């Protein structure tokens, strides 16, 4: 039973569905295990709970730019 854990900032239901579909397809194609045996776990963390080095993600310029675009 393959288990994939994916950690990221919050995502939409559609984004999670697409990620689950693509991860599952890849695992099934590569290993031959049945689709129903693949588990994808989503752990969503707010930007205040993630640090890149000693800087919180919410304080990075990249994140600020993403917030403007999104």
PDB file of N, CA and C in Angstrom:
ATOM      1  N   UNK A   1       0.848  -1.174   0.000  1.00  0.00           N
ATOM      2  CA  UNK A   1       0.000   0.000   0.000  1.00  0.00           C
ATOM      3  C   UNK A   1       0.895   1.239   0.000  1.00  0.00           C
ATOM      4  N   UNK A   2       1.093   1.881  -1.140  1.00  0.00           N
ATOM      5  CA  UNK A   2       1.876   3.109  -1.193  1.00  0.00           C
ATOM      6  C   UNK A   2       1.135   4.258  -0.508  1.00  0.00           C
ATOM      7  N   UNK A   3       1.875   5.027   0.285  1.00  0.00           N
ATOM      8  CA  UNK A   3       1.317   6.209   0.939  1.00  0.00           C
ATOM      9  C   UNK A   3       2.186   7.393   0.549  1.00  0.00           C
ATOM     10  N   UNK A   4       1.559   8.400  -0.021  1.00  0.00           N
ATOM     11  CA  UNK A   4       2.251   9.625  -0.426  1.00  0.00           C
ATOM     12  C   UNK A   4       1.766  10.747   0.479  1.00  0.00           C
ATOM     13  N   UNK A   5       2.703  11.450   1.098  1.00  0.00           N
ATOM     14  CA  UNK A   5       2.355  12.595   1.934  1.00  0.00           C
ATOM     15  C   UNK A   5       2.801  13.857   1.214  1.00  0.00           C
ATOM     16  N   UNK A   6       1.871  14.790   1.055  1.00  0.00           N
ATOM     17  CA  UNK A   6       2.138  16.026   0.325  1.00  0.00           C
ATOM     18  C   UNK A   6       1.866  17.193   1.261  1.00  0.00           C
ATOM     19  N   UNK A   7       2.893  17.989   1.545  1.00  0.00           N
ATOM     20  CA  UNK A   7       2.749  19.136   2.435  1.00  0.00           C
ATOM     21  C   UNK A   7       2.918  20.418   1.637  1.00  0.00           C
ATOM     22  N   UNK A   8       1.999  21.355   1.888  1.00  0.00           N
ATOM     23  CA  UNK A   8       2.017  22.617   1.162  1.00  0.00           C
ATOM     24  C   UNK A   8       1.109  23.605   1.871  1.00  0.00           C
ATOM     25  N   UNK A   9       1.124  24.832   1.385  1.00  0.00           N
ATOM     26  CA  UNK A   9       0.168  25.812   1.886  1.00  0.00           C
ATOM     27  C   UNK A   9      -1.227  25.385   1.421  1.00  0.00           C
ATOM     28  N   UNK A  10      -2.284  25.950   1.983  1.00  0.00           N
ATOM     29  CA  UNK A  10      -3.647  25.521   1.631  1.00  0.00           C
ATOM     30  C   UNK A  10      -3.915  25.536   0.126  1.00  0.00           C
ATOM     31  N   UNK A  11      -4.651  24.504  -0.312  1.00  0.00           N
ATOM     32  CA  UNK A  11      -4.995  24.331  -1.727  1.00  0.00           C
ATOM     33  C   UNK A  11      -6.502  24.191  -1.859  1.00  0.00           C
ATOM     34  N   UNK A  12      -6.980  24.371  -3.071  1.00  0.00           N
ATOM     35  CA  UNK A  12      -8.396  24.160  -3.324  1.00  0.00           C
ATOM     36  C   UNK A  12      -8.671  22.668  -3.460  1.00  0.00           C
ATOM     37  N   UNK A  13      -9.925  22.306  -3.358  1.00  0.00           N
ATOM     38  CA  UNK A  13     -10.323  20.908  -3.537  1.00  0.00           C
ATOM     39  C   UNK A  13      -9.931  20.425  -4.935  1.00  0.00           C
ATOM     40  N   UNK A  14     -10.118  21.270  -5.945  1.00  0.00           N
ATOM     41  CA  UNK A  14      -9.756  20.900  -7.318  1.00  0.00           C
ATOM     42  C   UNK A  14      -8.255  20.648  -7.455  1.00  0.00           C
ATOM     43  N   UNK A  15      -7.442  21.479  -6.813  1.00  0.00           N
ATOM     44  CA  UNK A  15      -5.999  21.286  -6.872  1.00  0.00           C
ATOM     45  C   UNK A  15      -5.614  19.954  -6.228  1.00  0.00           C
ATOM     46  N   UNK A  16      -6.200  19.665  -5.069  1.00  0.00           N
ATOM     47  CA  UNK A  16      -5.900  18.402  -4.392  1.00  0.00           C
ATOM     48  C   UNK A  16      -6.341  17.217  -5.239  1.00  0.00           C
ATOM     49  N   UNK A  17      -7.496  17.325  -5.879  1.00  0.00           N
ATOM     50  CA  UNK A  17      -7.978  16.227  -6.731  1.00  0.00           C
ATOM     51  C   UNK A  17      -7.024  15.980  -7.887  1.00  0.00           C
ATOM     52  N   UNK A  18      -6.530  17.046  -8.507  1.00  0.00           N
ATOM     53  CA  UNK A  18      -5.595  16.896  -9.626  1.00  0.00           C
ATOM     54  C   UNK A  18      -4.277  16.276  -9.160  1.00  0.00           C
ATOM     55  N   UNK A  19      -3.766  16.734  -8.029  1.00  0.00           N
ATOM     56  CA  UNK A  19      -2.523  16.172  -7.497  1.00  0.00           C
ATOM     57  C   UNK A  19      -2.710  14.692  -7.171  1.00  0.00           C
ATOM     58  N   UNK A  20      -3.809  14.347  -6.496  1.00  0.00           N
ATOM     59  CA  UNK A  20      -4.077  12.950  -6.155  1.00  0.00           C
ATOM     60  C   UNK A  20      -4.165  12.091  -7.415  1.00  0.00           C
ATOM     61  N   UNK A  21      -4.849  12.603  -8.432  1.00  0.00           N
ATOM     62  CA  UNK A  21      -4.998  11.856  -9.689  1.00  0.00           C
ATOM     63  C   UNK A  21      -3.636  11.611 -10.336  1.00  0.00           C
ATOM     64  N   UNK A  22      -2.825  12.657 -10.424  1.00  0.00           N
ATOM     65  CA  UNK A  22      -1.536  12.525 -11.102  1.00  0.00           C
ATOM     66  C   UNK A  22      -0.546  11.671 -10.306  1.00  0.00           C
ATOM     67  N   UNK A  23      -0.510  11.825  -8.984  1.00  0.00           N
ATOM     68  CA  UNK A  23       0.354  10.971  -8.168  1.00  0.00           C
ATOM     69  C   UNK A  23      -0.077   9.512  -8.298  1.00  0.00           C
ATOM     70  N   UNK A  24      -1.374   9.264  -8.196  1.00  0.00           N
ATOM     71  CA  UNK A  24      -1.892   7.893  -8.280  1.00  0.00           C
ATOM     72  C   UNK A  24      -1.582   7.283  -9.632  1.00  0.00           C
ATOM     73  N   UNK A  25      -1.833   8.023 -10.702  1.00  0.00           N
ATOM     74  CA  UNK A  25      -1.533   7.515 -12.045  1.00  0.00           C
ATOM     75  C   UNK A  25      -0.063   7.128 -12.175  1.00  0.00           C
ATOM     76  N   UNK A  26       0.818   7.961 -11.644  1.00  0.00           N
ATOM     77  CA  UNK A  26       2.256   7.689 -11.734  1.00  0.00           C
ATOM     78  C   UNK A  26       2.629   6.440 -10.945  1.00  0.00           C
ATOM     79  N   UNK A  27       2.102   6.306  -9.735  1.00  0.00           N
ATOM     80  CA  UNK A  27       2.415   5.137  -8.908  1.00  0.00           C
ATOM     81  C   UNK A  27       1.886   3.861  -9.567  1.00  0.00           C
ATOM     82  N   UNK A  28       0.665   3.888 -10.064  1.00  0.00           N
ATOM     83  CA  UNK A  28       0.076   2.714 -10.714  1.00  0.00           C
ATOM     84  C   UNK A  28       0.879   2.338 -11.956  1.00  0.00           C
ATOM     85  N   UNK A  29       1.212   3.325 -12.761  1.00  0.00           N
ATOM     86  CA  UNK A  29       1.965   3.067 -13.999  1.00  0.00           C
ATOM     87  C   UNK A  29       3.361   2.523 -13.691  1.00  0.00           C
ATOM     88  N   UNK A  30       4.002   3.052 -12.659  1.00  0.00           N
ATOM     89  CA  UNK A  30       5.381   2.676 -12.346  1.00  0.00           C
ATOM     90  C   UNK A  30       5.494   1.355 -11.601  1.00  0.00           C
ATOM     91  N   UNK A  31       4.559   1.102 -10.672  1.00  0.00           N
ATOM     92  CA  UNK A  31       4.683  -0.088  -9.820  1.00  0.00           C
ATOM     93  C   UNK A  31       3.716  -1.205 -10.167  1.00  0.00           C
ATOM     94  N   UNK A  32       2.615  -0.857 -10.838  1.00  0.00           N
ATOM     95  CA  UNK A  32       1.617  -1.868 -11.170  1.00  0.00           C
ATOM     96  C   UNK A  32       0.647  -2.184 -10.045  1.00  0.00           C
ATOM     97  N   UNK A  33       0.716  -1.442  -8.930  1.00  0.00           N
ATOM     98  CA  UNK A  33      -0.234  -1.691  -7.840  1.00  0.00           C
ATOM     99  C   UNK A  33      -1.619  -1.200  -8.245  1.00  0.00           C
ATOM    100  N   UNK A  34      -2.664  -1.748  -7.653  1.00  0.00           N
ATOM    101  CA  UNK A  34      -4.017  -1.289  -7.971  1.00  0.00           C
ATOM    102  C   UNK A  34      -4.228   0.156  -7.496  1.00  0.00           C
ATOM    103  N   UNK A  35      -4.995   0.911  -8.259  1.00  0.00           N
ATOM    104  CA  UNK A  35      -5.295   2.306  -7.934  1.00  0.00           C
ATOM    105  C   UNK A  35      -5.851   2.463  -6.520  1.00  0.00           C
ATOM    106  N   UNK A  36      -6.728   1.550  -6.122  1.00  0.00           N
ATOM    107  CA  UNK A  36      -7.384   1.649  -4.818  1.00  0.00           C
ATOM    108  C   UNK A  36      -6.438   1.398  -3.644  1.00  0.00           C
ATOM    109  N   UNK A  37      -5.205   0.988  -3.925  1.00  0.00           N
ATOM    110  CA  UNK A  37      -4.252   0.764  -2.835  1.00  0.00           C
ATOM    111  C   UNK A  37      -3.342   1.972  -2.592  1.00  0.00           C
ATOM    112  N   UNK A  38      -3.483   3.019  -3.406  1.00  0.00           N
ATOM    113  CA  UNK A  38      -2.641   4.211  -3.287  1.00  0.00           C
ATOM    114  C   UNK A  38      -3.340   5.238  -2.406  1.00  0.00           C
ATOM    115  N   UNK A  39      -2.653   5.678  -1.373  1.00  0.00           N
ATOM    116  CA  UNK A  39      -3.183   6.694  -0.460  1.00  0.00           C
ATOM    117  C   UNK A  39      -2.379   7.976  -0.629  1.00  0.00           C
ATOM    118  N   UNK A  40      -3.068   9.105  -0.757  1.00  0.00           N
ATOM    119  CA  UNK A  40      -2.416  10.407  -0.826  1.00  0.00           C
ATOM    120  C   UNK A  40      -2.922  11.227   0.358  1.00  0.00           C
ATOM    121  N   UNK A  41      -2.000  11.641   1.212  1.00  0.00           N
ATOM    122  CA  UNK A  41      -2.351  12.422   2.396  1.00  0.00           C
ATOM    123  C   UNK A  41      -1.924  13.873   2.181  1.00  0.00           C
ATOM    124  N   UNK A  42      -2.833  14.793   2.427  1.00  0.00           N
ATOM    125  CA  UNK A  42      -2.538  16.218   2.279  1.00  0.00           C
ATOM    126  C   UNK A  42      -2.383  16.841   3.660  1.00  0.00           C
ATOM    127  N   UNK A  43      -1.267  17.485   3.880  1.00  0.00           N
ATOM    128  CA  UNK A  43      -1.039  18.234   5.109  1.00  0.00           C
ATOM    129  C   UNK A  43      -0.896  19.701   4.695  1.00  0.00           C
ATOM    130  N   UNK A  44      -1.879  20.483   5.050  1.00  0.00           N
ATOM    131  CA  UNK A  44      -1.850  21.897   4.677  1.00  0.00           C
ATOM    132  C   UNK A  44      -1.350  22.728   5.851  1.00  0.00           C
ATOM    133  N   UNK A  45      -0.400  23.578   5.557  1.00  0.00           N
ATOM    134  CA  UNK A  45       0.191  24.452   6.563  1.00  0.00           C
ATOM    135  C   UNK A  45       0.065  25.893   6.092  1.00  0.00           C
ATOM    136  N   UNK A  46      -0.307  26.772   6.987  1.00  0.00           N
ATOM    137  CA  UNK A  46      -0.331  28.180   6.614  1.00  0.00           C
ATOM    138  C   UNK A  46       1.105  28.670   6.502  1.00  0.00           C
ATOM    139  N   UNK A  47       1.286  29.764   5.804  1.00  0.00           N
ATOM    140  CA  UNK A  47       2.620  30.306   5.560  1.00  0.00           C
ATOM    141  C   UNK A  47       3.319  30.719   6.855  1.00  0.00           C
ATOM    142  N   UNK A  48       2.551  30.923   7.906  1.00  0.00           N
ATOM    143  CA  UNK A  48       3.146  31.273   9.196  1.00  0.00           C
ATOM    144  C   UNK A  48       3.751  30.051   9.885  1.00  0.00           C
ATOM    145  N   UNK A  49       3.431  28.851   9.391  1.00  0.00           N
ATOM    146  CA  UNK A  49       3.920  27.625  10.008  1.00  0.00           C
ATOM    147  C   UNK A  49       5.026  26.960   9.196  1.00  0.00           C
ATOM    148  N   UNK A  50       5.567  27.669   8.208  1.00  0.00           N
ATOM    149  CA  UNK A  50       6.632  27.129   7.365  1.00  0.00           C
ATOM    150  C   UNK A  50       7.772  28.137   7.359  1.00  0.00           C
ATOM    151  N   UNK A  51       8.987  27.651   7.570  1.00  0.00           N
ATOM    152  CA  UNK A  51      10.153  28.525   7.493  1.00  0.00           C
ATOM    153  C   UNK A  51      11.078  28.030   6.396  1.00  0.00           C
ATOM    154  N   UNK A  52      11.671  28.968   5.696  1.00  0.00           N
ATOM    155  CA  UNK A  52      12.706  28.671   4.709  1.00  0.00           C
ATOM    156  C   UNK A  52      13.984  29.232   5.322  1.00  0.00           C
ATOM    157  N   UNK A  53      14.826  28.332   5.803  1.00  0.00           N
ATOM    158  CA  UNK A  53      15.967  28.799   6.596  1.00  0.00           C
ATOM    159  C   UNK A  53      15.431  29.424   7.873  1.00  0.00           C
ATOM    160  N   UNK A  54      15.819  30.670   8.119  1.00  0.00           N
ATOM    161  CA  UNK A  54      15.356  31.341   9.335  1.00  0.00           C
ATOM    162  C   UNK A  54      14.247  32.348   9.069  1.00  0.00           C
ATOM    163  N   UNK A  55      13.650  32.276   7.871  1.00  0.00           N
ATOM    164  CA  UNK A  55      12.606  33.232   7.485  1.00  0.00           C
ATOM    165  C   UNK A  55      11.276  32.511   7.308  1.00  0.00           C
ATOM    166  N   UNK A  56      10.245  33.011   7.963  1.00  0.00           N
ATOM    167  CA  UNK A  56       8.917  32.439   7.759  1.00  0.00           C
ATOM    168  C   UNK A  56       8.495  32.642   6.312  1.00  0.00           C
ATOM    169  N   UNK A  57       7.824  31.660   5.755  1.00  0.00           N
ATOM    170  CA  UNK A  57       7.393  31.741   4.365  1.00  0.00           C
ATOM    171  C   UNK A  57       6.553  32.990   4.111  1.00  0.00           C
ATOM    172  N   UNK A  58       5.721  33.361   5.072  1.00  0.00           N
ATOM    173  CA  UNK A  58       4.855  34.531   4.905  1.00  0.00           C
ATOM    174  C   UNK A  58       5.646  35.832   4.787  1.00  0.00           C
ATOM    175  N   UNK A  59       6.917  35.815   5.189  1.00  0.00           N
ATOM    176  CA  UNK A  59       7.747  37.015   5.117  1.00  0.00           C
ATOM    177  C   UNK A  59       8.648  37.051   3.890  1.00  0.00           C
ATOM    178  N   UNK A  60       8.587  36.019   3.040  1.00  0.00           N
ATOM    179  CA  UNK A  60       9.433  36.000   1.849  1.00  0.00           C
ATOM    180  C   UNK A  60       8.806  36.799   0.723  1.00  0.00           C
ATOM    181  N   UNK A  61       9.632  37.354  -0.112  1.00  0.00           N
ATOM    182  CA  UNK A  61       9.140  38.132  -1.254  1.00  0.00           C
ATOM    183  C   UNK A  61       8.369  37.228  -2.208  1.00  0.00           C
ATOM    184  N   UNK A  62       8.833  35.991  -2.383  1.00  0.00           N
ATOM    185  CA  UNK A  62       8.133  35.058  -3.262  1.00  0.00           C
ATOM    186  C   UNK A  62       6.686  34.890  -2.817  1.00  0.00           C
ATOM    187  N   UNK A  63       6.479  34.666  -1.516  1.00  0.00           N
ATOM    188  CA  UNK A  63       5.122  34.459  -1.004  1.00  0.00           C
ATOM    189  C   UNK A  63       4.280  35.717  -1.186  1.00  0.00           C
ATOM    190  N   UNK A  64       4.853  36.859  -0.907  1.00  0.00           N
ATOM    191  CA  UNK A  64       4.119  38.118  -1.072  1.00  0.00           C
ATOM    192  C   UNK A  64       3.703  38.316  -2.521  1.00  0.00           C
ATOM    193  N   UNK A  65       4.589  37.953  -3.449  1.00  0.00           N
ATOM    194  CA  UNK A  65       4.250  38.047  -4.878  1.00  0.00           C
ATOM    195  C   UNK A  65       3.134  37.070  -5.240  1.00  0.00           C
ATOM    196  N   UNK A  66       3.179  35.862  -4.673  1.00  0.00           N
ATOM    197  CA  UNK A  66       2.145  34.871  -4.938  1.00  0.00           C
ATOM    198  C   UNK A  66       0.785  35.354  -4.456  1.00  0.00           C
ATOM    199  N   UNK A  67       0.763  36.017  -3.316  1.00  0.00           N
ATOM    200  CA  UNK A  67      -0.492  36.539  -2.761  1.00  0.00           C
ATOM    201  C   UNK A  67      -1.084  37.615  -3.664  1.00  0.00           C
ATOM    202  N   UNK A  68      -0.237  38.436  -4.264  1.00  0.00           N
ATOM    203  CA  UNK A  68      -0.708  39.485  -5.186  1.00  0.00           C
ATOM    204  C   UNK A  68      -1.293  38.881  -6.446  1.00  0.00           C
ATOM    205  N   UNK A  69      -0.637  37.805  -6.957  1.00  0.00           N
ATOM    206  CA  UNK A  69      -1.077  37.166  -8.194  1.00  0.00           C
ATOM    207  C   UNK A  69      -2.325  36.329  -8.005  1.00  0.00           C
ATOM    208  N   UNK A  70      -2.481  35.720  -6.831  1.00  0.00           N
ATOM    209  CA  UNK A  70      -3.562  34.779  -6.581  1.00  0.00           C
ATOM    210  C   UNK A  70      -4.822  35.467  -6.221  1.00  0.00           C
TER     211      UNK A  70
END
